[in-house]
Amino acid sequence: LVVKSLAVDALMPAHAHGMNYRPEVTQVTPGLYRVDGFLLHMPGQWQFAFELRAGGSTERLTHNVIVE
């Protein structure tokens, strides 16, 4: 399986907004990625969104995190 792209973002569903900056995704080695630039600028529930494109398909995953 060859990964074409990985996109990562975070948003606050309760406030209908995301981060003030777009994170940067860097491939470290095949299959290993590093994401820099997350700025979770306020407390509350954040939803991380991951979008992976590979093999002619797209997979999306979300994960909720509480920031205090």
Protein backbone atom coordinates (compact mmCIF):
# COMPACT_ATOMS: atom_id res chain seq x y z
CA LEU A 1 0.00 0.00 0.00
CA VAL A 2 1.51 3.31 -1.11
CA VAL A 3 0.43 6.36 0.87
CA LYS A 4 -0.24 9.33 -1.42
CA SER A 5 -1.02 11.90 1.27
CA LEU A 6 -1.87 12.42 4.92
CA ALA A 7 -3.76 15.49 6.13
CA VAL A 8 -4.33 16.35 9.81
CA ASP A 9 -6.50 19.07 11.33
CA ALA A 10 -8.25 19.91 14.61
CA LEU A 11 -11.51 21.70 15.27
CA MET A 12 -13.80 22.58 18.16
CA PRO A 13 -17.27 21.26 17.24
CA ALA A 14 -19.01 23.18 20.06
CA HIS A 15 -17.63 26.49 18.76
CA ALA A 16 -17.70 25.67 15.03
CA HIS A 17 -14.08 26.71 14.46
CA GLY A 18 -10.68 25.17 14.06
CA MET A 19 -7.15 26.19 14.81
CA ASN A 20 -5.68 29.53 13.77
CA TYR A 21 -2.85 27.76 11.89
CA ARG A 22 -2.66 24.77 9.56
CA PRO A 23 -0.40 21.97 10.87
CA GLU A 24 2.44 20.71 8.67
CA VAL A 25 2.71 16.99 7.91
CA THR A 26 6.17 15.59 7.11
CA GLN A 27 6.98 12.03 6.11
CA VAL A 28 9.90 10.90 8.29
CA THR A 29 10.27 7.44 6.74
CA PRO A 30 7.82 5.35 4.72
CA GLY A 31 4.81 4.81 6.98
CA LEU A 32 5.99 7.24 9.68
CA TYR A 33 4.78 10.85 9.73
CA ARG A 34 5.41 13.85 11.95
CA VAL A 35 2.89 16.65 12.43
CA ASP A 36 4.05 20.08 13.63
CA GLY A 37 2.15 23.27 14.27
CA PHE A 38 -0.82 22.22 16.38
CA LEU A 39 -1.98 25.25 18.34
CA LEU A 40 -4.96 24.36 20.52
CA HIS A 41 -5.58 27.93 21.62
CA MET A 42 -8.45 27.38 24.05
CA PRO A 43 -9.67 24.73 26.50
CA GLY A 44 -12.53 22.41 25.68
CA GLN A 45 -13.28 19.51 23.36
CA TRP A 46 -11.14 19.33 20.25
CA GLN A 47 -11.68 16.86 17.44
CA PHE A 48 -8.59 15.68 15.58
CA ALA A 49 -9.26 14.71 11.97
CA PHE A 50 -6.94 12.49 9.94
CA GLU A 51 -7.35 11.86 6.21
CA LEU A 52 -5.16 9.25 4.54
CA ARG A 53 -5.12 8.70 0.79
CA ALA A 54 -3.63 5.45 -0.46
CA GLY A 55 -4.30 2.76 -3.01
CA GLY A 56 -7.04 4.73 -4.78
CA SER A 57 -9.13 5.25 -1.64
CA THR A 58 -9.44 7.74 1.20
CA GLU A 59 -9.80 6.84 4.88
CA ARG A 60 -10.94 9.36 7.49
CA LEU A 61 -10.58 9.05 11.24
CA THR A 62 -11.60 11.46 14.00
CA HIS A 63 -10.61 11.41 17.66
CA ASN A 64 -11.96 13.65 20.43
CA VAL A 65 -9.64 15.14 23.06
CA ILE A 66 -10.49 17.35 26.06
CA VAL A 67 -7.99 20.17 26.63
CA GLU A 68 -8.03 21.69 30.11
